[in-house]
Amino acid sequence: MRINELQRRALLAMMDVETARVAVDRTTRRTAQHQLYALIRERYGCKYSCLPADRWKEVVIWLVEGPLTSGGEVAI
């Protein structure tokens, strides 16, 4: 079972908040957004909208912890 529409929209909103947090301009925001999409694909093996329902909470917690630094780089 995949995530539902409400969960998908919540993830998109959280990703928008995270990219806005690190962005200084539109280009930086777009770059951070694509980096975040790539991190989700790399970490969870699929696009954010195709996540298994049981992984949804894990992704939300990961996003809340702030995967990007203020410079748009990945926090290690």
PDB file of N, CA and C in Angstrom:
ATOM      1  N   MET A   1       0.836  -1.172   0.000  1.00  0.00           N
ATOM      2  CA  MET A   1       0.000   0.000   0.000  1.00  0.00           C
ATOM      3  C   MET A   1       0.891   1.249   0.000  1.00  0.00           C
ATOM      4  N   ARG A   2       0.558   2.203  -0.862  1.00  0.00           N
ATOM      5  CA  ARG A   2       1.308   3.446  -0.957  1.00  0.00           C
ATOM      6  C   ARG A   2       0.658   4.526  -0.099  1.00  0.00           C
ATOM      7  N   ILE A   3       1.374   5.642   0.034  1.00  0.00           N
ATOM      8  CA  ILE A   3       0.804   6.746   0.804  1.00  0.00           C
ATOM      9  C   ILE A   3      -0.438   7.292   0.105  1.00  0.00           C
ATOM     10  N   ASN A   4      -1.337   7.852   0.891  1.00  0.00           N
ATOM     11  CA  ASN A   4      -2.569   8.400   0.320  1.00  0.00           C
ATOM     12  C   ASN A   4      -2.364   9.854  -0.104  1.00  0.00           C
ATOM     13  N   GLU A   5      -3.385  10.443  -0.696  1.00  0.00           N
ATOM     14  CA  GLU A   5      -3.288  11.809  -1.224  1.00  0.00           C
ATOM     15  C   GLU A   5      -2.990  12.834  -0.124  1.00  0.00           C
ATOM     16  N   LEU A   6      -3.594  12.686   1.031  1.00  0.00           N
ATOM     17  CA  LEU A   6      -3.355  13.602   2.141  1.00  0.00           C
ATOM     18  C   LEU A   6      -1.894  13.534   2.601  1.00  0.00           C
ATOM     19  N   GLN A   7      -1.365  12.327   2.707  1.00  0.00           N
ATOM     20  CA  GLN A   7       0.028  12.152   3.101  1.00  0.00           C
ATOM     21  C   GLN A   7       0.964  12.747   2.036  1.00  0.00           C
ATOM     22  N   ARG A   8       0.636  12.561   0.767  1.00  0.00           N
ATOM     23  CA  ARG A   8       1.450  13.100  -0.326  1.00  0.00           C
ATOM     24  C   ARG A   8       1.483  14.623  -0.251  1.00  0.00           C
ATOM     25  N   ARG A   9       0.328  15.233  -0.023  1.00  0.00           N
ATOM     26  CA  ARG A   9       0.269  16.691   0.084  1.00  0.00           C
ATOM     27  C   ARG A   9       1.028  17.193   1.311  1.00  0.00           C
ATOM     28  N   ALA A  10       0.947  16.456   2.395  1.00  0.00           N
ATOM     29  CA  ALA A  10       1.684  16.836   3.599  1.00  0.00           C
ATOM     30  C   ALA A  10       3.184  16.791   3.346  1.00  0.00           C
ATOM     31  N   LEU A  11       3.651  15.755   2.658  1.00  0.00           N
ATOM     32  CA  LEU A  11       5.071  15.662   2.330  1.00  0.00           C
ATOM     33  C   LEU A  11       5.499  16.819   1.440  1.00  0.00           C
ATOM     34  N   LEU A  12       4.707  17.142   0.434  1.00  0.00           N
ATOM     35  CA  LEU A  12       5.028  18.263  -0.450  1.00  0.00           C
ATOM     36  C   LEU A  12       5.115  19.568   0.338  1.00  0.00           C
ATOM     37  N   ALA A  13       4.179  19.781   1.247  1.00  0.00           N
ATOM     38  CA  ALA A  13       4.192  21.000   2.061  1.00  0.00           C
ATOM     39  C   ALA A  13       5.436  21.055   2.939  1.00  0.00           C
ATOM     40  N   MET A  14       5.800  19.927   3.530  1.00  0.00           N
ATOM     41  CA  MET A  14       6.991  19.877   4.383  1.00  0.00           C
ATOM     42  C   MET A  14       8.258  20.126   3.561  1.00  0.00           C
ATOM     43  N   MET A  15       8.299  19.579   2.349  1.00  0.00           N
ATOM     44  CA  MET A  15       9.451  19.805   1.479  1.00  0.00           C
ATOM     45  C   MET A  15       9.531  21.275   1.086  1.00  0.00           C
ATOM     46  N   ASP A  16       8.386  21.896   0.836  1.00  0.00           N
ATOM     47  CA  ASP A  16       8.365  23.324   0.511  1.00  0.00           C
ATOM     48  C   ASP A  16       8.886  24.163   1.674  1.00  0.00           C
ATOM     49  N   VAL A  17       8.467  23.827   2.878  1.00  0.00           N
ATOM     50  CA  VAL A  17       8.923  24.557   4.067  1.00  0.00           C
ATOM     51  C   VAL A  17      10.430  24.401   4.224  1.00  0.00           C
ATOM     52  N   GLU A  18      10.935  23.202   4.055  1.00  0.00           N
ATOM     53  CA  GLU A  18      12.371  22.958   4.209  1.00  0.00           C
ATOM     54  C   GLU A  18      13.171  23.718   3.151  1.00  0.00           C
ATOM     55  N   THR A  19      12.720  23.693   1.903  1.00  0.00           N
ATOM     56  CA  THR A  19      13.467  24.391   0.858  1.00  0.00           C
ATOM     57  C   THR A  19      13.365  25.910   1.034  1.00  0.00           C
ATOM     58  N   ALA A  20      12.243  26.404   1.510  1.00  0.00           N
ATOM     59  CA  ALA A  20      12.107  27.842   1.767  1.00  0.00           C
ATOM     60  C   ALA A  20      13.021  28.272   2.918  1.00  0.00           C
ATOM     61  N   ARG A  21      13.197  27.400   3.874  1.00  0.00           N
ATOM     62  CA  ARG A  21      14.046  27.690   5.030  1.00  0.00           C
ATOM     63  C   ARG A  21      15.490  27.924   4.614  1.00  0.00           C
ATOM     64  N   VAL A  22      15.976  27.174   3.635  1.00  0.00           N
ATOM     65  CA  VAL A  22      17.380  27.274   3.241  1.00  0.00           C
ATOM     66  C   VAL A  22      17.613  28.201   2.050  1.00  0.00           C
ATOM     67  N   ALA A  23      16.557  28.665   1.424  1.00  0.00           N
ATOM     68  CA  ALA A  23      16.699  29.440   0.193  1.00  0.00           C
ATOM     69  C   ALA A  23      16.957  30.916   0.448  1.00  0.00           C
ATOM     70  N   VAL A  24      17.843  31.466  -0.369  1.00  0.00           N
ATOM     71  CA  VAL A  24      18.070  32.914  -0.338  1.00  0.00           C
ATOM     72  C   VAL A  24      17.439  33.578  -1.552  1.00  0.00           C
ATOM     73  N   ASP A  25      17.245  32.818  -2.600  1.00  0.00           N
ATOM     74  CA  ASP A  25      16.583  33.324  -3.794  1.00  0.00           C
ATOM     75  C   ASP A  25      15.885  32.168  -4.504  1.00  0.00           C
ATOM     76  N   ARG A  26      15.214  32.489  -5.586  1.00  0.00           N
ATOM     77  CA  ARG A  26      14.415  31.478  -6.295  1.00  0.00           C
ATOM     78  C   ARG A  26      15.269  30.326  -6.838  1.00  0.00           C
ATOM     79  N   THR A  27      16.440  30.652  -7.353  1.00  0.00           N
ATOM     80  CA  THR A  27      17.321  29.623  -7.908  1.00  0.00           C
ATOM     81  C   THR A  27      17.808  28.677  -6.823  1.00  0.00           C
ATOM     82  N   THR A  28      18.189  29.234  -5.684  1.00  0.00           N
ATOM     83  CA  THR A  28      18.647  28.402  -4.565  1.00  0.00           C
ATOM     84  C   THR A  28      17.525  27.509  -4.069  1.00  0.00           C
ATOM     85  N   ARG A  29      16.320  28.067  -4.011  1.00  0.00           N
ATOM     86  CA  ARG A  29      15.171  27.278  -3.564  1.00  0.00           C
ATOM     87  C   ARG A  29      14.926  26.098  -4.501  1.00  0.00           C
ATOM     88  N   ARG A  30      14.956  26.354  -5.798  1.00  0.00           N
ATOM     89  CA  ARG A  30      14.724  25.295  -6.795  1.00  0.00           C
ATOM     90  C   ARG A  30      15.798  24.221  -6.699  1.00  0.00           C
ATOM     91  N   THR A  31      17.044  24.641  -6.541  1.00  0.00           N
ATOM     92  CA  THR A  31      18.149  23.697  -6.402  1.00  0.00           C
ATOM     93  C   THR A  31      17.971  22.845  -5.145  1.00  0.00           C
ATOM     94  N   ALA A  32      17.613  23.483  -4.034  1.00  0.00           N
ATOM     95  CA  ALA A  32      17.394  22.755  -2.776  1.00  0.00           C
ATOM     96  C   ALA A  32      16.233  21.784  -2.903  1.00  0.00           C
ATOM     97  N   GLN A  33      15.185  22.198  -3.610  1.00  0.00           N
ATOM     98  CA  GLN A  33      14.031  21.327  -3.801  1.00  0.00           C
ATOM     99  C   GLN A  33      14.419  20.068  -4.578  1.00  0.00           C
ATOM    100  N   HIS A  34      15.167  20.241  -5.651  1.00  0.00           N
ATOM    101  CA  HIS A  34      15.600  19.077  -6.436  1.00  0.00           C
ATOM    102  C   HIS A  34      16.557  18.194  -5.640  1.00  0.00           C
ATOM    103  N   GLN A  35      17.383  18.816  -4.814  1.00  0.00           N
ATOM    104  CA  GLN A  35      18.293  18.049  -3.970  1.00  0.00           C
ATOM    105  C   GLN A  35      17.499  17.215  -2.965  1.00  0.00           C
ATOM    106  N   LEU A  36      16.445  17.795  -2.424  1.00  0.00           N
ATOM    107  CA  LEU A  36      15.606  17.081  -1.472  1.00  0.00           C
ATOM    108  C   LEU A  36      14.890  15.901  -2.136  1.00  0.00           C
ATOM    109  N   TYR A  37      14.358  16.105  -3.351  1.00  0.00           N
ATOM    110  CA  TYR A  37      13.741  15.002  -4.100  1.00  0.00           C
ATOM    111  C   TYR A  37      14.755  13.883  -4.317  1.00  0.00           C
ATOM    112  N   ALA A  38      15.979  14.252  -4.698  1.00  0.00           N
ATOM    113  CA  ALA A  38      17.036  13.261  -4.947  1.00  0.00           C
ATOM    114  C   ALA A  38      17.405  12.513  -3.663  1.00  0.00           C
ATOM    115  N   LEU A  39      17.460  13.237  -2.537  1.00  0.00           N
ATOM    116  CA  LEU A  39      17.774  12.593  -1.259  1.00  0.00           C
ATOM    117  C   LEU A  39      16.718  11.558  -0.884  1.00  0.00           C
ATOM    118  N   ILE A  40      15.451  11.890  -1.129  1.00  0.00           N
ATOM    119  CA  ILE A  40      14.379  10.934  -0.821  1.00  0.00           C
ATOM    120  C   ILE A  40      14.498   9.701  -1.714  1.00  0.00           C
ATOM    121  N   ARG A  41      14.744   9.920  -3.007  1.00  0.00           N
ATOM    122  CA  ARG A  41      14.912   8.767  -3.908  1.00  0.00           C
ATOM    123  C   ARG A  41      16.092   7.906  -3.486  1.00  0.00           C
ATOM    124  N   GLU A  42      17.203   8.549  -3.107  1.00  0.00           N
ATOM    125  CA  GLU A  42      18.399   7.821  -2.705  1.00  0.00           C
ATOM    126  C   GLU A  42      18.188   7.076  -1.389  1.00  0.00           C
ATOM    127  N   ARG A  43      17.589   7.755  -0.424  1.00  0.00           N
ATOM    128  CA  ARG A  43      17.426   7.173   0.914  1.00  0.00           C
ATOM    129  C   ARG A  43      16.355   6.093   0.974  1.00  0.00           C
ATOM    130  N   TYR A  44      15.241   6.302   0.250  1.00  0.00           N
ATOM    131  CA  TYR A  44      14.109   5.380   0.352  1.00  0.00           C
ATOM    132  C   TYR A  44      13.873   4.546  -0.898  1.00  0.00           C
ATOM    133  N   GLY A  45      14.656   4.774  -1.956  1.00  0.00           N
ATOM    134  CA  GLY A  45      14.599   3.930  -3.142  1.00  0.00           C
ATOM    135  C   GLY A  45      13.425   4.172  -4.071  1.00  0.00           C
ATOM    136  N   CYS A  46      12.703   5.277  -3.870  1.00  0.00           N
ATOM    137  CA  CYS A  46      11.583   5.585  -4.746  1.00  0.00           C
ATOM    138  C   CYS A  46      11.218   7.058  -4.624  1.00  0.00           C
ATOM    139  N   LYS A  47      10.384   7.513  -5.530  1.00  0.00           N
ATOM    140  CA  LYS A  47       9.901   8.884  -5.505  1.00  0.00           C
ATOM    141  C   LYS A  47       9.023   9.085  -4.266  1.00  0.00           C
ATOM    142  N   TYR A  48       8.982  10.310  -3.757  1.00  0.00           N
ATOM    143  CA  TYR A  48       8.220  10.580  -2.531  1.00  0.00           C
ATOM    144  C   TYR A  48       6.758  10.161  -2.651  1.00  0.00           C
ATOM    145  N   SER A  49       6.173  10.292  -3.846  1.00  0.00           N
ATOM    146  CA  SER A  49       4.756   9.959  -4.011  1.00  0.00           C
ATOM    147  C   SER A  49       4.503   8.453  -4.105  1.00  0.00           C
ATOM    148  N   CYS A  50       5.562   7.658  -4.219  1.00  0.00           N
ATOM    149  CA  CYS A  50       5.424   6.196  -4.312  1.00  0.00           C
ATOM    150  C   CYS A  50       5.889   5.493  -3.042  1.00  0.00           C
ATOM    151  N   LEU A  51       6.090   6.236  -1.978  1.00  0.00           N
ATOM    152  CA  LEU A  51       6.561   5.638  -0.725  1.00  0.00           C
ATOM    153  C   LEU A  51       5.563   4.624  -0.189  1.00  0.00           C
ATOM    154  N   PRO A  52       6.065   3.540   0.382  1.00  0.00           N
ATOM    155  CA  PRO A  52       5.163   2.619   1.075  1.00  0.00           C
ATOM    156  C   PRO A  52       4.578   3.327   2.304  1.00  0.00           C
ATOM    157  N   ALA A  53       3.350   3.038   2.620  1.00  0.00           N
ATOM    158  CA  ALA A  53       2.660   3.705   3.732  1.00  0.00           C
ATOM    159  C   ALA A  53       3.401   3.543   5.061  1.00  0.00           C
ATOM    160  N   ASP A  54       4.053   2.403   5.259  1.00  0.00           N
ATOM    161  CA  ASP A  54       4.739   2.173   6.527  1.00  0.00           C
ATOM    162  C   ASP A  54       6.024   2.999   6.665  1.00  0.00           C
ATOM    163  N   ARG A  55       6.528   3.601   5.579  1.00  0.00           N
ATOM    164  CA  ARG A  55       7.735   4.436   5.639  1.00  0.00           C
ATOM    165  C   ARG A  55       7.390   5.910   5.792  1.00  0.00           C
ATOM    166  N   TRP A  56       6.111   6.266   5.677  1.00  0.00           N
ATOM    167  CA  TRP A  56       5.691   7.658   5.677  1.00  0.00           C
ATOM    168  C   TRP A  56       6.129   8.401   6.931  1.00  0.00           C
ATOM    169  N   LYS A  57       5.881   7.831   8.098  1.00  0.00           N
ATOM    170  CA  LYS A  57       6.245   8.494   9.357  1.00  0.00           C
ATOM    171  C   LYS A  57       7.753   8.702   9.459  1.00  0.00           C
ATOM    172  N   GLU A  58       8.512   7.740   8.975  1.00  0.00           N
ATOM    173  CA  GLU A  58       9.971   7.857   8.990  1.00  0.00           C
ATOM    174  C   GLU A  58      10.434   9.058   8.149  1.00  0.00           C
ATOM    175  N   VAL A  59       9.828   9.245   6.992  1.00  0.00           N
ATOM    176  CA  VAL A  59      10.176  10.368   6.126  1.00  0.00           C
ATOM    177  C   VAL A  59       9.785  11.690   6.779  1.00  0.00           C
ATOM    178  N   VAL A  60       8.620  11.737   7.404  1.00  0.00           N
ATOM    179  CA  VAL A  60       8.169  12.954   8.081  1.00  0.00           C
ATOM    180  C   VAL A  60       9.142  13.328   9.192  1.00  0.00           C
ATOM    181  N   ILE A  61       9.543  12.373   9.992  1.00  0.00           N
ATOM    182  CA  ILE A  61      10.497  12.639  11.079  1.00  0.00           C
ATOM    183  C   ILE A  61      11.814  13.142  10.508  1.00  0.00           C
ATOM    184  N   TRP A  62      12.263  12.518   9.435  1.00  0.00           N
ATOM    185  CA  TRP A  62      13.507  12.926   8.785  1.00  0.00           C
ATOM    186  C   TRP A  62      13.405  14.369   8.281  1.00  0.00           C
ATOM    187  N   LEU A  63      12.273  14.738   7.684  1.00  0.00           N
ATOM    188  CA  LEU A  63      12.088  16.104   7.195  1.00  0.00           C
ATOM    189  C   LEU A  63      12.019  17.110   8.341  1.00  0.00           C
ATOM    190  N   VAL A  64      11.369  16.741   9.441  1.00  0.00           N
ATOM    191  CA  VAL A  64      11.261  17.636  10.591  1.00  0.00           C
ATOM    192  C   VAL A  64      12.635  17.901  11.194  1.00  0.00           C
ATOM    193  N   GLU A  65      13.503  16.903  11.172  1.00  0.00           N
ATOM    194  CA  GLU A  65      14.854  17.068  11.705  1.00  0.00           C
ATOM    195  C   GLU A  65      15.684  18.014  10.841  1.00  0.00           C
ATOM    196  N   GLY A  66      15.223  18.311   9.619  1.00  0.00           N
ATOM    197  CA  GLY A  66      15.922  19.254   8.756  1.00  0.00           C
ATOM    198  C   GLY A  66      17.082  18.645   8.014  1.00  0.00           C
ATOM    199  N   PRO A  67      16.825  17.990   6.877  1.00  0.00           N
ATOM    200  CA  PRO A  67      17.898  17.330   6.140  1.00  0.00           C
ATOM    201  C   PRO A  67      18.857  18.283   5.438  1.00  0.00           C
ATOM    202  N   LEU A  68      18.496  19.559   5.274  1.00  0.00           N
ATOM    203  CA  LEU A  68      19.354  20.520   4.591  1.00  0.00           C
ATOM    204  C   LEU A  68      19.848  21.570   5.578  1.00  0.00           C
ATOM    205  N   THR A  69      21.064  22.057   5.371  1.00  0.00           N
ATOM    206  CA  THR A  69      21.586  23.132   6.192  1.00  0.00           C
ATOM    207  C   THR A  69      21.143  24.465   5.582  1.00  0.00           C
ATOM    208  N   SER A  70      21.496  25.545   6.192  1.00  0.00           N
ATOM    209  CA  SER A  70      21.083  26.861   5.680  1.00  0.00           C
ATOM    210  C   SER A  70      21.701  27.183   4.329  1.00  0.00           C
ATOM    211  N   GLY A  71      22.785  26.515   3.965  1.00  0.00           N
ATOM    212  CA  GLY A  71      23.418  26.752   2.679  1.00  0.00           C
ATOM    213  C   GLY A  71      22.885  25.857   1.578  1.00  0.00           C
ATOM    214  N   GLY A  72      21.864  25.054   1.884  1.00  0.00           N
ATOM    215  CA  GLY A  72      21.308  24.155   0.889  1.00  0.00           C
ATOM    216  C   GLY A  72      22.070  22.844   0.772  1.00  0.00           C
ATOM    217  N   GLU A  73      23.079  22.670   1.627  1.00  0.00           N
ATOM    218  CA  GLU A  73      23.867  21.440   1.622  1.00  0.00           C
ATOM    219  C   GLU A  73      23.199  20.418   2.531  1.00  0.00           C
ATOM    220  N   VAL A  74      23.547  19.172   2.321  1.00  0.00           N
ATOM    221  CA  VAL A  74      22.999  18.092   3.135  1.00  0.00           C
ATOM    222  C   VAL A  74      23.664  18.112   4.507  1.00  0.00           C
ATOM    223  N   ALA A  75      22.857  18.057   5.551  1.00  0.00           N
ATOM    224  CA  ALA A  75      23.385  17.987   6.917  1.00  0.00           C
ATOM    225  C   ALA A  75      23.853  16.564   7.197  1.00  0.00           C
ATOM    226  N   ILE A  76      25.065  16.444   7.694  1.00  0.00           N
ATOM    227  CA  ILE A  76      25.622  15.105   7.995  1.00  0.00           C
ATOM    228  C   ILE A  76      25.734  14.914   9.480  1.00  0.00           C
TER     229      ILE A  76
END
